[in-house]
Amino acid sequence: MEISAVSPNNPLTGQSVQQKTPEARNETRAVVQATQKLNETQIFGYHSELVYAFDRQTQRPLVRLVDKETREVLRQFPPEHVLRMYEDLKLHA
């Protein structure tokens, strides 16, 4: 029986699998925490919430503002924007 090397390409999508660096993991953690804190303030209203997501097409993390009931995406933000919003909120609190 022969065992071949594992291909770095995902056979389902044809895209390469990227390993996250420690810096990327820290940024992801910060964005998720900021998203949770902003949701706690209900700054976007009672019926909306921020959701952290990963866009498979662009290979970039995103934060989406979604309707809690319908799950419709109302807006989409780059993670850096959410971190700035959270920092601004902390400064004015």
PDB file of N, CA and C in Angstrom:
ATOM      1  N   MET A   1       0.838  -1.174   0.000  1.00  0.00           N
ATOM      2  CA  MET A   1       0.000   0.000   0.000  1.00  0.00           C
ATOM      3  C   MET A   1       0.883   1.236   0.000  1.00  0.00           C
ATOM      4  N   GLU A   2       0.574   2.173  -0.873  1.00  0.00           N
ATOM      5  CA  GLU A   2       1.359   3.397  -0.963  1.00  0.00           C
ATOM      6  C   GLU A   2       0.548   4.559  -0.383  1.00  0.00           C
ATOM      7  N   ILE A   3       1.213   5.377   0.420  1.00  0.00           N
ATOM      8  CA  ILE A   3       0.569   6.553   1.006  1.00  0.00           C
ATOM      9  C   ILE A   3       1.241   7.775   0.421  1.00  0.00           C
ATOM     10  N   SER A   4       0.439   8.589  -0.237  1.00  0.00           N
ATOM     11  CA  SER A   4       0.998   9.791  -0.854  1.00  0.00           C
ATOM     12  C   SER A   4       0.941  10.963   0.118  1.00  0.00           C
ATOM     13  N   ALA A   5       1.705  11.980  -0.188  1.00  0.00           N
ATOM     14  CA  ALA A   5       1.731  13.176   0.648  1.00  0.00           C
ATOM     15  C   ALA A   5       0.389  13.889   0.579  1.00  0.00           C
ATOM     16  N   VAL A   6       0.062  14.553   1.663  1.00  0.00           N
ATOM     17  CA  VAL A   6      -1.177  15.306   1.712  1.00  0.00           C
ATOM     18  C   VAL A   6      -0.992  16.588   0.920  1.00  0.00           C
ATOM     19  N   SER A   7      -1.903  16.833   0.016  1.00  0.00           N
ATOM     20  CA  SER A   7      -1.839  18.028  -0.812  1.00  0.00           C
ATOM     21  C   SER A   7      -2.277  19.241  -0.019  1.00  0.00           C
ATOM     22  N   PRO A   8      -1.581  20.381  -0.188  1.00  0.00           N
ATOM     23  CA  PRO A   8      -2.019  21.584   0.515  1.00  0.00           C
ATOM     24  C   PRO A   8      -3.281  22.187  -0.091  1.00  0.00           C
ATOM     25  N   ASN A   9      -3.729  21.658  -1.222  1.00  0.00           N
ATOM     26  CA  ASN A   9      -4.945  22.164  -1.854  1.00  0.00           C
ATOM     27  C   ASN A   9      -6.144  21.403  -1.336  1.00  0.00           C
ATOM     28  N   ASN A  10      -7.181  22.113  -1.028  1.00  0.00           N
ATOM     29  CA  ASN A  10      -8.421  21.515  -0.602  1.00  0.00           C
ATOM     30  C   ASN A  10      -9.098  20.933  -1.837  1.00  0.00           C
ATOM     31  N   PRO A  11      -9.349  19.628  -1.872  1.00  0.00           N
ATOM     32  CA  PRO A  11      -9.923  19.030  -3.078  1.00  0.00           C
ATOM     33  C   PRO A  11     -11.337  19.509  -3.375  1.00  0.00           C
ATOM     34  N   LEU A  12     -12.055  20.000  -2.385  1.00  0.00           N
ATOM     35  CA  LEU A  12     -13.417  20.440  -2.617  1.00  0.00           C
ATOM     36  C   LEU A  12     -13.485  21.832  -3.212  1.00  0.00           C
ATOM     37  N   THR A  13     -12.565  22.701  -2.832  1.00  0.00           N
ATOM     38  CA  THR A  13     -12.628  24.074  -3.304  1.00  0.00           C
ATOM     39  C   THR A  13     -11.500  24.432  -4.242  1.00  0.00           C
ATOM     40  N   GLY A  14     -10.439  23.625  -4.243  1.00  0.00           N
ATOM     41  CA  GLY A  14      -9.288  23.935  -5.070  1.00  0.00           C
ATOM     42  C   GLY A  14      -8.425  25.039  -4.487  1.00  0.00           C
ATOM     43  N   GLN A  15      -8.772  25.526  -3.302  1.00  0.00           N
ATOM     44  CA  GLN A  15      -8.005  26.587  -2.666  1.00  0.00           C
ATOM     45  C   GLN A  15      -7.027  25.981  -1.673  1.00  0.00           C
ATOM     46  N   SER A  16      -5.885  26.621  -1.534  1.00  0.00           N
ATOM     47  CA  SER A  16      -4.902  26.105  -0.596  1.00  0.00           C
ATOM     48  C   SER A  16      -5.323  26.397   0.832  1.00  0.00           C
ATOM     49  N   VAL A  17      -4.935  25.505   1.717  1.00  0.00           N
ATOM     50  CA  VAL A  17      -5.217  25.663   3.133  1.00  0.00           C
ATOM     51  C   VAL A  17      -4.116  26.514   3.726  1.00  0.00           C
ATOM     52  N   GLN A  18      -4.504  27.590   4.385  1.00  0.00           N
ATOM     53  CA  GLN A  18      -3.516  28.489   4.968  1.00  0.00           C
ATOM     54  C   GLN A  18      -3.470  28.296   6.472  1.00  0.00           C
ATOM     55  N   GLN A  19      -2.268  28.204   7.011  1.00  0.00           N
ATOM     56  CA  GLN A  19      -2.083  28.105   8.445  1.00  0.00           C
ATOM     57  C   GLN A  19      -2.090  29.505   9.032  1.00  0.00           C
ATOM     58  N   LYS A  20      -2.762  29.672  10.159  1.00  0.00           N
ATOM     59  CA  LYS A  20      -2.814  30.981  10.794  1.00  0.00           C
ATOM     60  C   LYS A  20      -1.559  31.202  11.627  1.00  0.00           C
ATOM     61  N   THR A  21      -1.022  32.389  11.502  1.00  0.00           N
ATOM     62  CA  THR A  21       0.111  32.778  12.322  1.00  0.00           C
ATOM     63  C   THR A  21      -0.399  33.160  13.711  1.00  0.00           C
ATOM     64  N   PRO A  22       0.480  33.206  14.704  1.00  0.00           N
ATOM     65  CA  PRO A  22       0.045  33.651  16.038  1.00  0.00           C
ATOM     66  C   PRO A  22      -0.572  35.050  16.002  1.00  0.00           C
ATOM     67  N   GLU A  23      -0.031  35.932  15.155  1.00  0.00           N
ATOM     68  CA  GLU A  23      -0.584  37.278  15.042  1.00  0.00           C
ATOM     69  C   GLU A  23      -2.010  37.240  14.490  1.00  0.00           C
ATOM     70  N   ALA A  24      -2.238  36.399  13.491  1.00  0.00           N
ATOM     71  CA  ALA A  24      -3.570  36.280  12.905  1.00  0.00           C
ATOM     72  C   ALA A  24      -4.558  35.696  13.916  1.00  0.00           C
ATOM     73  N   ARG A  25      -4.118  34.726  14.699  1.00  0.00           N
ATOM     74  CA  ARG A  25      -4.982  34.155  15.738  1.00  0.00           C
ATOM     75  C   ARG A  25      -5.327  35.206  16.790  1.00  0.00           C
ATOM     76  N   ASN A  26      -4.341  36.027  17.166  1.00  0.00           N
ATOM     77  CA  ASN A  26      -4.595  37.090  18.147  1.00  0.00           C
ATOM     78  C   ASN A  26      -5.572  38.127  17.599  1.00  0.00           C
ATOM     79  N   GLU A  27      -5.422  38.472  16.323  1.00  0.00           N
ATOM     80  CA  GLU A  27      -6.340  39.430  15.717  1.00  0.00           C
ATOM     81  C   GLU A  27      -7.753  38.859  15.667  1.00  0.00           C
ATOM     82  N   THR A  28      -7.874  37.597  15.309  1.00  0.00           N
ATOM     83  CA  THR A  28      -9.186  36.947  15.276  1.00  0.00           C
ATOM     84  C   THR A  28      -9.816  36.976  16.658  1.00  0.00           C
ATOM     85  N   ARG A  29      -9.043  36.639  17.672  1.00  0.00           N
ATOM     86  CA  ARG A  29      -9.539  36.645  19.046  1.00  0.00           C
ATOM     87  C   ARG A  29     -10.015  38.049  19.433  1.00  0.00           C
ATOM     88  N   ALA A  30      -9.249  39.076  19.070  1.00  0.00           N
ATOM     89  CA  ALA A  30      -9.611  40.460  19.398  1.00  0.00           C
ATOM     90  C   ALA A  30     -10.898  40.872  18.687  1.00  0.00           C
ATOM     91  N   VAL A  31     -11.044  40.482  17.426  1.00  0.00           N
ATOM     92  CA  VAL A  31     -12.250  40.835  16.671  1.00  0.00           C
ATOM     93  C   VAL A  31     -13.472  40.134  17.258  1.00  0.00           C
ATOM     94  N   VAL A  32     -13.336  38.873  17.610  1.00  0.00           N
ATOM     95  CA  VAL A  32     -14.459  38.131  18.200  1.00  0.00           C
ATOM     96  C   VAL A  32     -14.851  38.762  19.535  1.00  0.00           C
ATOM     97  N   GLN A  33     -13.883  39.113  20.361  1.00  0.00           N
ATOM     98  CA  GLN A  33     -14.182  39.749  21.652  1.00  0.00           C
ATOM     99  C   GLN A  33     -14.841  41.107  21.457  1.00  0.00           C
ATOM    100  N   ALA A  34     -14.343  41.900  20.514  1.00  0.00           N
ATOM    101  CA  ALA A  34     -14.945  43.207  20.235  1.00  0.00           C
ATOM    102  C   ALA A  34     -16.376  43.035  19.737  1.00  0.00           C
ATOM    103  N   THR A  35     -16.604  42.037  18.890  1.00  0.00           N
ATOM    104  CA  THR A  35     -17.944  41.752  18.382  1.00  0.00           C
ATOM    105  C   THR A  35     -18.890  41.420  19.526  1.00  0.00           C
ATOM    106  N   GLN A  36     -18.447  40.588  20.456  1.00  0.00           N
ATOM    107  CA  GLN A  36     -19.271  40.212  21.601  1.00  0.00           C
ATOM    108  C   GLN A  36     -19.582  41.423  22.484  1.00  0.00           C
ATOM    109  N   LYS A  37     -18.589  42.247  22.743  1.00  0.00           N
ATOM    110  CA  LYS A  37     -18.783  43.432  23.589  1.00  0.00           C
ATOM    111  C   LYS A  37     -19.727  44.427  22.928  1.00  0.00           C
ATOM    112  N   LEU A  38     -19.576  44.645  21.623  1.00  0.00           N
ATOM    113  CA  LEU A  38     -20.478  45.554  20.920  1.00  0.00           C
ATOM    114  C   LEU A  38     -21.903  45.017  20.932  1.00  0.00           C
ATOM    115  N   ASN A  39     -22.074  43.702  20.813  1.00  0.00           N
ATOM    116  CA  ASN A  39     -23.412  43.113  20.889  1.00  0.00           C
ATOM    117  C   ASN A  39     -24.032  43.333  22.265  1.00  0.00           C
ATOM    118  N   GLU A  40     -23.235  43.259  23.309  1.00  0.00           N
ATOM    119  CA  GLU A  40     -23.737  43.469  24.668  1.00  0.00           C
ATOM    120  C   GLU A  40     -24.299  44.872  24.849  1.00  0.00           C
ATOM    121  N   THR A  41     -23.743  45.849  24.156  1.00  0.00           N
ATOM    122  CA  THR A  41     -24.221  47.227  24.287  1.00  0.00           C
ATOM    123  C   THR A  41     -25.507  47.474  23.509  1.00  0.00           C
ATOM    124  N   GLN A  42     -25.852  46.571  22.615  1.00  0.00           N
ATOM    125  CA  GLN A  42     -27.007  46.703  21.720  1.00  0.00           C
ATOM    126  C   GLN A  42     -26.934  48.009  20.925  1.00  0.00           C
ATOM    127  N   ILE A  43     -25.731  48.401  20.564  1.00  0.00           N
ATOM    128  CA  ILE A  43     -25.506  49.620  19.804  1.00  0.00           C
ATOM    129  C   ILE A  43     -26.210  49.583  18.448  1.00  0.00           C
ATOM    130  N   PHE A  44     -26.439  48.387  17.928  1.00  0.00           N
ATOM    131  CA  PHE A  44     -27.110  48.239  16.633  1.00  0.00           C
ATOM    132  C   PHE A  44     -28.587  47.911  16.785  1.00  0.00           C
ATOM    133  N   GLY A  45     -29.093  48.040  17.986  1.00  0.00           N
ATOM    134  CA  GLY A  45     -30.499  47.786  18.244  1.00  0.00           C
ATOM    135  C   GLY A  45     -30.739  46.399  18.804  1.00  0.00           C
ATOM    136  N   TYR A  46     -31.959  46.213  19.263  1.00  0.00           N
ATOM    137  CA  TYR A  46     -32.337  44.959  19.903  1.00  0.00           C
ATOM    138  C   TYR A  46     -32.498  43.816  18.907  1.00  0.00           C
ATOM    139  N   HIS A  47     -32.885  44.123  17.686  1.00  0.00           N
ATOM    140  CA  HIS A  47     -33.190  43.080  16.700  1.00  0.00           C
ATOM    141  C   HIS A  47     -32.017  42.734  15.776  1.00  0.00           C
ATOM    142  N   SER A  48     -30.852  43.353  16.016  1.00  0.00           N
ATOM    143  CA  SER A  48     -29.681  43.097  15.169  1.00  0.00           C
ATOM    144  C   SER A  48     -28.502  42.679  16.027  1.00  0.00           C
ATOM    145  N   GLU A  49     -27.589  41.945  15.421  1.00  0.00           N
ATOM    146  CA  GLU A  49     -26.376  41.560  16.127  1.00  0.00           C
ATOM    147  C   GLU A  49     -25.228  41.418  15.142  1.00  0.00           C
ATOM    148  N   LEU A  50     -24.019  41.574  15.662  1.00  0.00           N
ATOM    149  CA  LEU A  50     -22.824  41.353  14.863  1.00  0.00           C
ATOM    150  C   LEU A  50     -22.456  39.882  14.909  1.00  0.00           C
ATOM    151  N   VAL A  51     -22.012  39.361  13.776  1.00  0.00           N
ATOM    152  CA  VAL A  51     -21.602  37.960  13.679  1.00  0.00           C
ATOM    153  C   VAL A  51     -20.250  37.911  12.981  1.00  0.00           C
ATOM    154  N   TYR A  52     -19.297  37.235  13.591  1.00  0.00           N
ATOM    155  CA  TYR A  52     -17.986  37.042  12.976  1.00  0.00           C
ATOM    156  C   TYR A  52     -18.114  35.928  11.945  1.00  0.00           C
ATOM    157  N   ALA A  53     -17.559  36.151  10.762  1.00  0.00           N
ATOM    158  CA  ALA A  53     -17.637  35.155   9.688  1.00  0.00           C
ATOM    159  C   ALA A  53     -16.335  35.150   8.899  1.00  0.00           C
ATOM    160  N   PHE A  54     -16.132  34.101   8.140  1.00  0.00           N
ATOM    161  CA  PHE A  54     -14.968  33.982   7.282  1.00  0.00           C
ATOM    162  C   PHE A  54     -15.453  33.792   5.855  1.00  0.00           C
ATOM    163  N   ASP A  55     -15.074  34.725   4.989  1.00  0.00           N
ATOM    164  CA  ASP A  55     -15.479  34.662   3.586  1.00  0.00           C
ATOM    165  C   ASP A  55     -14.555  33.700   2.852  1.00  0.00           C
ATOM    166  N   ARG A  56     -15.087  32.584   2.430  1.00  0.00           N
ATOM    167  CA  ARG A  56     -14.272  31.556   1.756  1.00  0.00           C
ATOM    168  C   ARG A  56     -13.770  32.019   0.401  1.00  0.00           C
ATOM    169  N   GLN A  57     -14.544  32.870  -0.244  1.00  0.00           N
ATOM    170  CA  GLN A  57     -14.154  33.333  -1.582  1.00  0.00           C
ATOM    171  C   GLN A  57     -12.943  34.258  -1.513  1.00  0.00           C
ATOM    172  N   THR A  58     -12.967  35.213  -0.588  1.00  0.00           N
ATOM    173  CA  THR A  58     -11.865  36.174  -0.481  1.00  0.00           C
ATOM    174  C   THR A  58     -10.801  35.739   0.517  1.00  0.00           C
ATOM    175  N   GLN A  59     -11.104  34.698   1.296  1.00  0.00           N
ATOM    176  CA  GLN A  59     -10.178  34.213   2.329  1.00  0.00           C
ATOM    177  C   GLN A  59      -9.907  35.283   3.394  1.00  0.00           C
ATOM    178  N   ARG A  60     -10.932  36.101   3.676  1.00  0.00           N
ATOM    179  CA  ARG A  60     -10.797  37.175   4.657  1.00  0.00           C
ATOM    180  C   ARG A  60     -11.868  37.050   5.724  1.00  0.00           C
ATOM    181  N   PRO A  61     -11.519  37.407   6.951  1.00  0.00           N
ATOM    182  CA  PRO A  61     -12.551  37.454   7.988  1.00  0.00           C
ATOM    183  C   PRO A  61     -13.434  38.686   7.790  1.00  0.00           C
ATOM    184  N   LEU A  62     -14.687  38.568   8.196  1.00  0.00           N
ATOM    185  CA  LEU A  62     -15.655  39.653   8.079  1.00  0.00           C
ATOM    186  C   LEU A  62     -16.496  39.705   9.343  1.00  0.00           C
ATOM    187  N   VAL A  63     -17.113  40.837   9.568  1.00  0.00           N
ATOM    188  CA  VAL A  63     -18.113  40.942  10.616  1.00  0.00           C
ATOM    189  C   VAL A  63     -19.379  41.433   9.937  1.00  0.00           C
ATOM    190  N   ARG A  64     -20.447  40.699  10.166  1.00  0.00           N
ATOM    191  CA  ARG A  64     -21.712  41.030   9.529  1.00  0.00           C
ATOM    192  C   ARG A  64     -22.728  41.476  10.574  1.00  0.00           C
ATOM    193  N   LEU A  65     -23.509  42.478  10.214  1.00  0.00           N
ATOM    194  CA  LEU A  65     -24.640  42.896  11.015  1.00  0.00           C
ATOM    195  C   LEU A  65     -25.845  42.164  10.447  1.00  0.00           C
ATOM    196  N   VAL A  66     -26.472  41.326  11.281  1.00  0.00           N
ATOM    197  CA  VAL A  66     -27.577  40.506  10.796  1.00  0.00           C
ATOM    198  C   VAL A  66     -28.829  40.736  11.643  1.00  0.00           C
ATOM    199  N   ASP A  67     -29.961  40.537  11.014  1.00  0.00           N
ATOM    200  CA  ASP A  67     -31.242  40.562  11.707  1.00  0.00           C
ATOM    201  C   ASP A  67     -31.330  39.272  12.522  1.00  0.00           C
ATOM    202  N   LYS A  68     -31.620  39.381  13.818  1.00  0.00           N
ATOM    203  CA  LYS A  68     -31.654  38.203  14.686  1.00  0.00           C
ATOM    204  C   LYS A  68     -32.733  37.198  14.279  1.00  0.00           C
ATOM    205  N   GLU A  69     -33.835  37.686  13.762  1.00  0.00           N
ATOM    206  CA  GLU A  69     -34.941  36.786  13.427  1.00  0.00           C
ATOM    207  C   GLU A  69     -34.786  36.157  12.050  1.00  0.00           C
ATOM    208  N   THR A  70     -34.518  36.967  11.033  1.00  0.00           N
ATOM    209  CA  THR A  70     -34.475  36.455   9.661  1.00  0.00           C
ATOM    210  C   THR A  70     -33.081  36.003   9.238  1.00  0.00           C
ATOM    211  N   ARG A  71     -32.048  36.408   9.993  1.00  0.00           N
ATOM    212  CA  ARG A  71     -30.639  36.126   9.698  1.00  0.00           C
ATOM    213  C   ARG A  71     -30.185  36.819   8.410  1.00  0.00           C
ATOM    214  N   GLU A  72     -30.964  37.792   7.935  1.00  0.00           N
ATOM    215  CA  GLU A  72     -30.599  38.575   6.757  1.00  0.00           C
ATOM    216  C   GLU A  72     -29.389  39.455   7.086  1.00  0.00           C
ATOM    217  N   VAL A  73     -28.417  39.482   6.178  1.00  0.00           N
ATOM    218  CA  VAL A  73     -27.244  40.338   6.355  1.00  0.00           C
ATOM    219  C   VAL A  73     -27.633  41.764   6.007  1.00  0.00           C
ATOM    220  N   LEU A  74     -27.523  42.648   6.994  1.00  0.00           N
ATOM    221  CA  LEU A  74     -27.890  44.047   6.797  1.00  0.00           C
ATOM    222  C   LEU A  74     -26.701  44.881   6.338  1.00  0.00           C
ATOM    223  N   ARG A  75     -25.537  44.593   6.901  1.00  0.00           N
ATOM    224  CA  ARG A  75     -24.295  45.285   6.536  1.00  0.00           C
ATOM    225  C   ARG A  75     -23.145  44.326   6.758  1.00  0.00           C
ATOM    226  N   GLN A  76     -22.013  44.682   6.189  1.00  0.00           N
ATOM    227  CA  GLN A  76     -20.817  43.860   6.341  1.00  0.00           C
ATOM    228  C   GLN A  76     -19.633  44.788   6.561  1.00  0.00           C
ATOM    229  N   PHE A  77     -18.788  44.447   7.532  1.00  0.00           N
ATOM    230  CA  PHE A  77     -17.661  45.289   7.890  1.00  0.00           C
ATOM    231  C   PHE A  77     -16.361  44.496   7.840  1.00  0.00           C
ATOM    232  N   PRO A  78     -15.267  45.162   7.487  1.00  0.00           N
ATOM    233  CA  PRO A  78     -13.963  44.507   7.673  1.00  0.00           C
ATOM    234  C   PRO A  78     -13.659  44.475   9.174  1.00  0.00           C
ATOM    235  N   PRO A  79     -12.916  43.485   9.647  1.00  0.00           N
ATOM    236  CA  PRO A  79     -12.633  43.366  11.077  1.00  0.00           C
ATOM    237  C   PRO A  79     -11.982  44.611  11.674  1.00  0.00           C
ATOM    238  N   GLU A  80     -11.137  45.284  10.894  1.00  0.00           N
ATOM    239  CA  GLU A  80     -10.441  46.465  11.407  1.00  0.00           C
ATOM    240  C   GLU A  80     -11.445  47.549  11.795  1.00  0.00           C
ATOM    241  N   HIS A  81     -12.512  47.665  11.043  1.00  0.00           N
ATOM    242  CA  HIS A  81     -13.541  48.664  11.325  1.00  0.00           C
ATOM    243  C   HIS A  81     -14.226  48.361  12.667  1.00  0.00           C
ATOM    244  N   VAL A  82     -14.489  47.100  12.921  1.00  0.00           N
ATOM    245  CA  VAL A  82     -15.138  46.699  14.170  1.00  0.00           C
ATOM    246  C   VAL A  82     -14.218  46.970  15.358  1.00  0.00           C
ATOM    247  N   LEU A  83     -12.932  46.706  15.193  1.00  0.00           N
ATOM    248  CA  LEU A  83     -11.987  47.000  16.278  1.00  0.00           C
ATOM    249  C   LEU A  83     -11.950  48.502  16.568  1.00  0.00           C
ATOM    250  N   ARG A  84     -11.975  49.328  15.527  1.00  0.00           N
ATOM    251  CA  ARG A  84     -11.989  50.787  15.727  1.00  0.00           C
ATOM    252  C   ARG A  84     -13.277  51.227  16.414  1.00  0.00           C
ATOM    253  N   MET A  85     -14.409  50.640  16.022  1.00  0.00           N
ATOM    254  CA  MET A  85     -15.682  50.974  16.658  1.00  0.00           C
ATOM    255  C   MET A  85     -15.637  50.642  18.143  1.00  0.00           C
ATOM    256  N   TYR A  86     -15.078  49.487  18.479  1.00  0.00           N
ATOM    257  CA  TYR A  86     -14.995  49.063  19.874  1.00  0.00           C
ATOM    258  C   TYR A  86     -14.076  49.994  20.666  1.00  0.00           C
ATOM    259  N   GLU A  87     -12.942  50.371  20.087  1.00  0.00           N
ATOM    260  CA  GLU A  87     -12.022  51.293  20.762  1.00  0.00           C
ATOM    261  C   GLU A  87     -12.686  52.649  20.984  1.00  0.00           C
ATOM    262  N   ASP A  88     -13.410  53.148  19.989  1.00  0.00           N
ATOM    263  CA  ASP A  88     -14.128  54.414  20.133  1.00  0.00           C
ATOM    264  C   ASP A  88     -15.169  54.333  21.248  1.00  0.00           C
ATOM    265  N   LEU A  89     -15.857  53.215  21.317  1.00  0.00           N
ATOM    266  CA  LEU A  89     -16.871  53.016  22.361  1.00  0.00           C
ATOM    267  C   LEU A  89     -16.224  53.034  23.741  1.00  0.00           C
ATOM    268  N   LYS A  90     -15.073  52.388  23.881  1.00  0.00           N
ATOM    269  CA  LYS A  90     -14.368  52.358  25.166  1.00  0.00           C
ATOM    270  C   LYS A  90     -13.915  53.761  25.571  1.00  0.00           C
ATOM    271  N   LEU A  91     -13.489  54.576  24.609  1.00  0.00           N
ATOM    272  CA  LEU A  91     -13.010  55.921  24.909  1.00  0.00           C
ATOM    273  C   LEU A  91     -14.142  56.832  25.380  1.00  0.00           C
ATOM    274  N   HIS A  92     -15.352  56.600  24.866  1.00  0.00           N
ATOM    275  CA  HIS A  92     -16.468  57.483  25.200  1.00  0.00           C
ATOM    276  C   HIS A  92     -17.294  56.959  26.364  1.00  0.00           C
ATOM    277  N   ALA A  93     -16.922  55.822  26.901  1.00  0.00           N
ATOM    278  CA  ALA A  93     -17.696  55.244  28.015  1.00  0.00           C
ATOM    279  C   ALA A  93     -17.209  55.766  29.353  1.00  0.00           C
TER     280      ALA A  93
END
